[in-house]
Amino acid sequence: MPHSRNAAGDAAKPLTIVLVVDSVGNRGNGTSNSALQYAKELEREGHHVRLVGVGAPDYPVGIHHLPLISWLAAKQQMQFAEPDDAVFRHAFAGADVVHIYMPFKFGRHALAVARSMGIPVTAGFHLQPENVTYSAGPLRYIPGIPSLIYYLFDFWLYRHIGHIHAPSQMIARQLRAHGYRARLHVISNGYSSRFHPAQKQSGNKHGNNEHGKRDEDGFRIIASGRLTHEKDHETLIRAVALSRHAAQIDLTICGTGPLQRHLRRLAKRLLPRPAHIGFQPNDEMPNLLRTADLLVHPSIVDIESLSVLEGIASGLVPVIADSPLSAASQFALTDSSVFPARNAKALARRIDWWIEHPQELAEWGPKYAQEAREKYALPQSVHRFVAMEREAIADACK
């Protein structure tokens, strides 16, 4: 059935957009965070947003329980939603477009209901198959499994969608390589304006002396991400232990996941100073980032990495793993901000270099913050997202 609304033809007309997200109310999940940020910014710009999913304020649904899989997903702050025709039809009524975040049962059912109502549908690609395999233990060692998952995601959802939001060029290349034929829109997830550098103060934050050495209050390194194998925080802990300045380093790793106990034990055994490893409320992250000296991101798998984006927006210099399955290294502005993935010795050398070059650290922080403002601010991303939605609506009207 053709889409009869005139939203595409009037670029100034506010849209009514339905965001279908399995797990809406859990801010410990990066996809949920991104959806909530987009929703808030879309509303600020005059559009109307309806969130549908577990924990949604106006259109909540139940949890779809899957043996073992739900247990593994819950450890990574993820829940699967149970499809509900009545909720879908109520949420979709009068909408201009429906945008689906995940290719699972909930998203597929939302696609079917929206199509039956004549409403255009777009989708985002927010879950890398490697995130699935790394969470599945020995499964990740079987050749061809990621390609099979790319195929299944495409078969389940994406081949039925004309416009797909890809958060980075890296994942767009992966989609093309795996046969995805939809129009791909490379749009950053963006970062909230809550993340910004600390106000300038006279003197150095940690009182570097004239020789560039750190005073006794330490050098603060922060990392953020799920505590899982693919995020590879073990390499970070081992690198700090190898650092010439290990006795000065205060390490904080923000996140939850199945490796939390293992990482805490490893840090206690290897590090001379106590490390802080565990969940950090999202609303506390901006202030926490502004107290740090260096952001380290050792992850092997990343579609974009909101944690790096929020860190550089806060004025932190990053040191990022260079991995073919991670887009995060796109944020690096200097070779001193990257290291070979899984290489603790190389990461230790990078950490030591920044500790021993406080002037460069002070100079590069503002450069990173400016890069974030110019390229990745949330309003810019949302404008491009709205343009994608209008294009999809226009296609539906043809």
Protein backbone atom coordinates (compact mmCIF):
# COMPACT_ATOMS: atom_id res chain seq x y z
CA MET A 1 0.00 0.00 0.00
CA PRO A 2 1.54 3.39 -0.99
CA HIS A 3 2.49 5.81 1.77
CA SER A 4 0.07 8.75 1.55
CA ARG A 5 1.64 11.21 3.97
CA ASN A 6 3.42 14.24 2.55
CA ALA A 7 6.30 14.23 5.06
CA ALA A 8 8.94 13.68 2.40
CA GLY A 9 7.77 16.53 0.24
CA ASP A 10 7.98 19.16 2.97
CA ALA A 11 11.51 19.35 4.38
CA ALA A 12 10.32 21.61 7.19
CA LYS A 13 7.50 19.33 8.33
CA PRO A 14 8.20 17.59 11.63
CA LEU A 15 8.20 13.82 11.35
CA THR A 16 6.60 11.24 13.60
CA ILE A 17 9.27 8.56 13.93
CA VAL A 18 8.89 5.25 15.74
CA LEU A 19 12.12 3.79 17.11
CA VAL A 20 11.84 0.02 17.64
CA VAL A 21 14.54 -1.02 20.14
CA ASP A 22 14.46 -4.38 21.92
CA SER A 23 15.96 -2.98 25.13
CA VAL A 24 14.99 0.69 25.55
CA GLY A 25 15.27 1.31 29.26
CA ASN A 26 18.78 0.01 29.87
CA ARG A 27 21.36 2.78 29.60
CA GLY A 28 24.14 0.28 30.23
CA ASN A 29 23.70 -0.88 26.63
CA GLY A 30 25.34 1.18 23.86
CA THR A 31 22.52 0.67 21.38
CA SER A 32 19.93 1.75 23.95
CA ASN A 33 22.03 4.81 24.79
CA SER A 34 22.24 5.75 21.13
CA ALA A 35 18.48 5.33 20.60
CA LEU A 36 17.66 7.43 23.67
CA GLN A 37 20.10 10.15 22.59
CA TYR A 38 18.61 10.24 19.10
CA ALA A 39 15.09 10.36 20.54
CA LYS A 40 15.92 13.28 22.80
CA GLU A 41 17.62 15.26 20.04
CA LEU A 42 14.84 14.51 17.53
CA GLU A 43 12.29 15.82 20.03
CA ARG A 44 14.44 18.90 20.69
CA GLU A 45 14.41 19.65 16.97
CA GLY A 46 10.62 19.44 16.81
CA HIS A 47 10.03 15.88 15.64
CA HIS A 48 7.75 13.41 17.41
CA VAL A 49 9.35 10.19 18.65
CA ARG A 50 7.71 7.02 19.91
CA LEU A 51 9.97 4.45 21.55
CA VAL A 52 8.82 0.82 21.51
CA GLY A 53 10.57 -1.91 23.48
CA VAL A 54 11.35 -3.30 26.92
CA GLY A 55 11.34 -0.39 29.35
CA ALA A 56 9.88 2.13 26.88
CA PRO A 57 7.99 4.94 28.66
CA ASP A 58 4.84 4.94 26.51
CA TYR A 59 4.95 1.74 24.46
CA PRO A 60 6.49 -0.94 26.69
CA VAL A 61 6.46 -4.64 25.84
CA GLY A 62 7.40 -7.83 27.65
CA ILE A 63 10.70 -9.69 27.61
CA HIS A 64 11.22 -12.54 25.16
CA HIS A 65 13.09 -15.25 27.08
CA LEU A 66 15.44 -17.55 25.19
CA PRO A 67 17.19 -20.41 27.02
CA LEU A 68 20.86 -19.61 27.65
CA ILE A 69 20.91 -16.83 25.02
CA SER A 70 18.93 -14.45 27.23
CA TRP A 71 21.26 -15.22 30.14
CA LEU A 72 24.33 -14.40 28.05
CA ALA A 73 22.70 -11.24 26.68
CA ALA A 74 21.68 -10.03 30.15
CA LYS A 75 25.33 -10.11 31.24
CA GLN A 76 25.92 -7.51 28.53
CA GLN A 77 22.94 -5.34 29.52
CA MET A 78 20.81 -6.62 26.63
CA GLN A 79 17.26 -7.98 26.62
CA PHE A 80 15.13 -9.36 23.80
CA ALA A 81 11.63 -7.94 23.43
CA GLU A 82 8.45 -9.94 22.92
CA PRO A 83 6.46 -8.83 19.84
CA ASP A 84 3.04 -7.38 20.61
CA ASP A 85 0.72 -6.60 17.70
CA ALA A 86 -1.53 -4.34 19.77
CA VAL A 87 1.40 -2.24 21.01
CA PHE A 88 2.89 -2.06 17.52
CA ARG A 89 -0.35 -0.91 15.93
CA HIS A 90 -0.95 1.65 18.66
CA ALA A 91 2.61 3.02 18.35
CA PHE A 92 2.65 2.99 14.53
CA ALA A 93 -0.74 4.66 14.01
CA GLY A 94 -0.24 7.94 12.15
CA ALA A 95 3.55 7.58 12.05
CA ASP A 96 5.61 8.74 9.08
CA VAL A 97 8.30 6.07 9.39
CA VAL A 98 9.40 3.16 11.57
CA HIS A 99 13.10 2.62 12.32
CA ILE A 100 14.26 -0.80 13.58
CA TYR A 101 17.47 -1.26 15.58
CA MET A 102 17.92 -5.04 15.77
CA PRO A 103 17.24 -7.95 13.35
CA PHE A 104 15.69 -10.28 15.89
CA LYS A 105 12.12 -11.51 16.36
CA PHE A 106 10.90 -8.16 17.72
CA GLY A 107 12.30 -6.14 14.82
CA ARG A 108 11.12 -8.59 12.18
CA HIS A 109 7.59 -8.55 13.56
CA ALA A 110 7.64 -4.75 13.68
CA LEU A 111 8.59 -4.73 9.99
CA ALA A 112 5.63 -6.96 9.12
CA VAL A 113 3.14 -4.85 11.08
CA ALA A 114 4.47 -1.56 9.66
CA ARG A 115 4.30 -2.91 6.11
CA SER A 116 0.74 -4.11 6.66
CA MET A 117 -0.12 -0.54 7.73
CA GLY A 118 1.59 0.99 4.69
CA ILE A 119 4.30 2.72 6.75
CA PRO A 120 7.89 3.03 5.41
CA VAL A 121 10.57 1.19 7.37
CA THR A 122 14.29 1.85 7.81
CA ALA A 123 16.79 -0.02 9.96
CA GLY A 124 20.13 0.44 11.69
CA PHE A 125 23.02 -2.03 11.82
CA HIS A 126 24.19 -1.85 15.43
CA LEU A 127 25.29 -5.41 16.26
CA GLN A 128 28.46 -6.82 14.76
CA PRO A 129 28.37 -10.59 14.22
CA GLU A 130 31.74 -10.77 15.99
CA ASN A 131 30.04 -9.41 19.12
CA VAL A 132 27.87 -12.51 18.98
CA THR A 133 30.69 -14.99 18.36
CA TYR A 134 32.95 -13.58 21.09
CA SER A 135 30.11 -14.04 23.54
CA ALA A 136 29.56 -17.64 22.44
CA GLY A 137 32.83 -19.14 23.68
CA PRO A 138 34.31 -21.78 21.32
CA LEU A 139 31.89 -20.74 18.54
CA ARG A 140 34.21 -17.89 17.58
CA TYR A 141 36.94 -20.35 16.55
CA ILE A 142 34.78 -22.01 13.89
CA PRO A 143 35.65 -20.61 10.44
CA GLY A 144 32.84 -18.87 8.62
CA ILE A 145 30.55 -18.27 11.61
CA PRO A 146 30.62 -14.43 11.34
CA SER A 147 29.77 -14.67 7.63
CA LEU A 148 26.88 -16.98 8.47
CA ILE A 149 25.56 -14.46 11.00
CA TYR A 150 25.85 -11.62 8.47
CA TYR A 151 23.76 -13.78 6.12
CA LEU A 152 21.17 -14.56 8.79
CA PHE A 153 20.80 -10.89 9.78
CA ASP A 154 20.34 -10.02 6.11
CA PHE A 155 17.86 -12.85 5.54
CA TRP A 156 15.87 -12.02 8.68
CA LEU A 157 15.61 -8.26 8.20
CA TYR A 158 18.00 -6.17 6.16
CA ARG A 159 17.29 -7.49 2.65
CA HIS A 160 13.70 -6.32 3.17
CA ILE A 161 14.80 -2.75 4.00
CA GLY A 162 15.68 -0.07 1.45
CA HIS A 163 17.68 2.26 3.72
CA ILE A 164 20.15 1.15 6.40
CA HIS A 165 21.93 3.33 8.96
CA ALA A 166 25.59 2.23 9.26
CA PRO A 167 27.44 4.02 12.11
CA SER A 168 30.88 3.85 10.42
CA GLN A 169 32.59 3.35 7.07
CA MET A 170 34.14 0.16 8.46
CA ILE A 171 30.80 -1.54 9.04
CA ALA A 172 29.45 -0.21 5.73
CA ARG A 173 32.37 -1.94 3.97
CA GLN A 174 31.60 -5.15 5.86
CA LEU A 175 27.95 -5.00 4.81
CA ARG A 176 28.86 -4.51 1.16
CA ALA A 177 31.42 -7.33 1.37
CA HIS A 178 28.72 -9.63 2.72
CA GLY A 179 26.23 -8.85 -0.05
CA TYR A 180 23.95 -6.24 1.53
CA ARG A 181 22.27 -4.34 -1.28
CA ALA A 182 20.29 -1.61 0.48
CA ARG A 183 21.18 2.07 0.36
CA LEU A 184 23.71 2.53 3.18
CA HIS A 185 23.80 5.79 5.10
CA VAL A 186 27.03 6.20 7.08
CA ILE A 187 25.99 8.31 10.06
CA SER A 188 27.81 8.49 13.38
CA ASN A 189 25.78 7.66 16.47
CA GLY A 190 27.02 11.04 17.71
CA TYR A 191 27.66 12.15 21.26
CA SER A 192 25.58 14.16 23.69
CA SER A 193 26.54 17.73 24.61
CA ARG A 194 26.81 16.47 28.21
CA PHE A 195 30.28 15.35 27.20
CA HIS A 196 32.62 18.32 26.96
CA PRO A 197 36.05 19.32 28.26
CA ALA A 198 36.51 20.58 31.79
CA GLN A 199 36.68 24.32 32.24
CA LYS A 200 40.23 25.61 32.02
CA GLN A 201 41.94 26.16 35.34
CA SER A 202 45.17 27.88 36.17
CA GLY A 203 48.04 25.44 36.43
CA ASN A 204 47.99 21.74 35.55
CA LYS A 205 45.19 19.48 36.70
CA HIS A 206 47.59 17.14 38.47
CA GLY A 207 50.38 19.53 39.23
CA ASN A 208 53.14 18.45 36.82
CA ASN A 209 56.42 19.89 37.97
CA GLU A 210 58.96 21.65 35.79
CA HIS A 211 60.56 18.33 34.79
CA GLY A 212 57.30 16.94 33.42
CA LYS A 213 57.03 14.28 36.14
CA ARG A 214 53.71 13.44 37.72
CA ASP A 215 53.15 14.32 41.35
CA GLU A 216 52.09 11.71 43.86
CA ASP A 217 48.36 11.94 43.10
CA GLY A 218 48.87 9.70 40.10
CA PHE A 219 48.06 9.48 36.41
CA ARG A 220 44.47 8.51 35.70
CA ILE A 221 43.64 6.14 32.85
CA ILE A 222 40.03 5.34 32.00
CA ALA A 223 38.45 2.75 29.71
CA SER A 224 34.79 2.04 29.05
CA GLY A 225 32.99 -0.91 27.50
CA ARG A 226 31.41 -4.26 28.19
CA LEU A 227 33.61 -6.60 30.20
CA THR A 228 33.82 -9.23 27.48
CA HIS A 229 36.57 -10.93 25.49
CA GLU A 230 36.24 -8.73 22.39
CA LYS A 231 36.71 -5.54 24.43
CA ASP A 232 40.06 -6.97 25.57
CA HIS A 233 40.51 -5.09 28.83
CA GLU A 234 42.95 -7.79 29.86
CA THR A 235 45.49 -6.30 27.46
CA LEU A 236 45.03 -2.92 29.13
CA ILE A 237 45.62 -4.35 32.61
CA ARG A 238 48.74 -6.16 31.43
CA ALA A 239 49.99 -2.99 29.71
CA VAL A 240 49.60 -0.94 32.88
CA ALA A 241 51.54 -3.63 34.75
CA LEU A 242 54.34 -3.35 32.14
CA SER A 243 54.45 0.45 32.27
CA ARG A 244 57.52 2.15 33.72
CA HIS A 245 55.03 4.30 35.64
CA ALA A 246 52.77 1.51 36.92
CA ALA A 247 53.14 2.73 40.51
CA GLN A 248 51.59 6.08 39.51
CA ILE A 249 48.69 4.85 37.38
CA ASP A 250 45.12 4.87 38.67
CA LEU A 251 43.10 2.61 36.36
CA THR A 252 39.31 2.77 35.97
CA ILE A 253 37.41 0.39 33.66
CA CYS A 254 33.70 1.23 33.40
CA GLY A 255 31.36 -1.56 32.36
CA THR A 256 29.69 -4.81 33.26
CA GLY A 257 29.92 -8.25 31.77
CA PRO A 258 30.90 -11.87 32.29
CA LEU A 259 34.62 -11.12 32.75
CA GLN A 260 34.22 -8.71 35.67
CA ARG A 261 35.50 -11.09 38.34
CA HIS A 262 38.37 -12.29 36.15
CA LEU A 263 39.50 -8.74 35.37
CA ARG A 264 39.31 -7.67 39.00
CA ARG A 265 41.41 -10.64 40.06
CA LEU A 266 43.95 -10.01 37.31
CA ALA A 267 44.26 -6.33 38.24
CA LYS A 268 44.67 -7.18 41.92
CA ARG A 269 47.43 -9.64 41.10
CA LEU A 270 49.34 -7.52 38.59
CA LEU A 271 48.88 -3.86 39.50
CA PRO A 272 50.59 -1.97 42.33
CA ARG A 273 47.60 0.35 42.81
CA PRO A 274 43.94 -0.70 43.20
CA ALA A 275 41.95 -0.63 39.96
CA HIS A 276 38.27 0.34 39.78
CA ILE A 277 36.42 -2.10 37.54
CA GLY A 278 32.63 -2.21 37.27
CA PHE A 279 29.42 -0.51 36.29
CA GLN A 280 29.31 3.28 36.21
CA PRO A 281 25.93 5.06 35.85
CA ASN A 282 25.69 6.81 32.51
CA ASP A 283 24.79 10.16 34.04
CA GLU A 284 28.06 10.10 36.02
CA MET A 285 30.28 9.40 33.01
CA PRO A 286 30.79 13.01 31.84
CA ASN A 287 32.29 14.12 35.15
CA LEU A 288 34.30 10.92 35.49
CA LEU A 289 35.85 11.37 32.04
CA ARG A 290 36.82 14.94 32.87
CA THR A 291 38.86 13.73 35.87
CA ALA A 292 41.00 11.39 33.74
CA ASP A 293 44.30 12.01 31.96
CA LEU A 294 44.17 9.39 29.20
CA LEU A 295 41.51 7.22 27.53
CA VAL A 296 42.56 3.72 26.47
CA HIS A 297 40.34 1.64 24.20
CA PRO A 298 41.77 -1.87 23.65
CA SER A 299 38.67 -3.30 21.95
CA ILE A 300 39.05 -5.69 19.02
CA VAL A 301 35.45 -5.36 17.77
CA ASP A 302 33.59 -2.04 17.38
CA ILE A 303 30.99 -0.79 14.93
CA GLU A 304 31.90 2.76 15.96
CA SER A 305 32.67 3.07 19.72
CA LEU A 306 30.55 5.60 21.53
CA SER A 307 32.90 5.38 24.52
CA VAL A 308 35.84 6.73 22.50
CA LEU A 309 33.65 9.42 21.01
CA GLU A 310 32.45 10.55 24.43
CA GLY A 311 36.02 10.48 25.72
CA ILE A 312 37.54 12.67 23.02
CA ALA A 313 34.55 15.03 23.26
CA SER A 314 35.47 15.39 26.94
CA GLY A 315 38.97 16.50 25.97
CA LEU A 316 40.78 13.21 26.55
CA VAL A 317 43.60 11.97 24.36
CA PRO A 318 42.82 8.37 23.32
CA VAL A 319 45.05 5.36 22.78
CA ILE A 320 43.08 2.97 20.57
CA ALA A 321 43.64 -0.61 19.41
CA ASP A 322 44.16 -0.90 15.66
CA SER A 323 41.98 -3.85 14.65
CA PRO A 324 40.41 -4.72 11.27
CA LEU A 325 37.12 -5.42 13.05
CA SER A 326 37.01 -2.10 14.89
CA ALA A 327 36.14 1.34 13.56
CA ALA A 328 37.40 3.07 16.72
CA SER A 329 40.85 3.84 15.32
CA GLN A 330 39.16 6.28 12.90
CA PHE A 331 39.20 8.76 15.80
CA ALA A 332 43.01 8.76 16.12
CA LEU A 333 44.68 12.00 15.00
CA THR A 334 48.27 10.92 15.66
CA ASP A 335 50.24 7.68 15.52
CA SER A 336 50.78 8.00 19.27
CA SER A 337 47.05 7.34 19.70
CA VAL A 338 47.05 3.85 18.18
CA PHE A 339 48.67 0.53 19.04
CA PRO A 340 48.47 -2.97 17.53
CA ALA A 341 45.46 -4.80 18.98
CA ARG A 342 46.22 -7.38 21.71
CA ASN A 343 49.82 -6.10 22.08
CA ALA A 344 50.29 -5.20 25.76
CA LYS A 345 53.95 -4.21 25.34
CA ALA A 346 53.11 -1.77 22.55
CA LEU A 347 50.27 -0.30 24.58
CA ALA A 348 52.58 0.11 27.58
CA ARG A 349 54.99 2.08 25.38
CA ARG A 350 52.17 4.37 24.23
CA ILE A 351 51.01 4.94 27.81
CA ASP A 352 54.57 5.72 28.92
CA TRP A 353 55.05 8.16 26.05
CA TRP A 354 52.00 10.21 27.00
CA ILE A 355 52.92 10.19 30.70
CA GLU A 356 56.43 11.39 29.85
CA HIS A 357 55.20 14.08 27.43
CA PRO A 358 52.69 16.11 29.46
CA GLN A 359 52.99 19.13 27.17
CA GLU A 360 51.91 17.09 24.16
CA LEU A 361 49.12 15.54 26.23
CA ALA A 362 47.87 19.02 27.14
CA GLU A 363 48.06 20.17 23.49
CA TRP A 364 46.33 17.17 21.88
CA GLY A 365 43.36 17.04 24.25
CA PRO A 366 41.74 20.22 22.86
CA LYS A 367 42.48 19.07 19.30
CA TYR A 368 40.53 15.87 19.91
CA ALA A 369 37.66 17.77 21.50
CA GLN A 370 37.50 20.09 18.49
CA GLU A 371 37.51 17.11 16.09
CA ALA A 372 34.55 15.64 17.98
CA ARG A 373 32.62 18.93 17.87
CA GLU A 374 33.21 19.41 14.15
CA LYS A 375 32.45 15.88 12.94
CA TYR A 376 30.47 13.90 15.49
CA ALA A 377 28.17 16.20 17.47
CA LEU A 378 24.72 14.66 17.95
CA PRO A 379 22.72 17.38 16.12
CA GLN A 380 24.77 16.76 12.95
CA SER A 381 24.10 13.03 13.14
CA VAL A 382 20.39 13.53 13.75
CA HIS A 383 20.08 15.91 10.78
CA ARG A 384 21.55 13.22 8.53
CA PHE A 385 19.32 10.58 10.12
CA VAL A 386 16.23 12.70 9.40
CA ALA A 387 17.40 13.14 5.80
CA MET A 388 17.61 9.33 5.51
CA GLU A 389 14.08 8.97 6.88
CA ARG A 390 12.72 11.56 4.43
CA GLU A 391 14.42 9.75 1.56
CA ALA A 392 12.81 6.47 2.64
CA ILE A 393 9.40 8.15 2.88
CA ALA A 394 9.85 9.64 -0.59
CA ASP A 395 10.75 6.22 -2.01
CA ALA A 396 7.60 4.74 -0.44
CA CYS A 397 5.47 7.39 -2.11
CA LYS A 398 6.72 6.61 -5.62
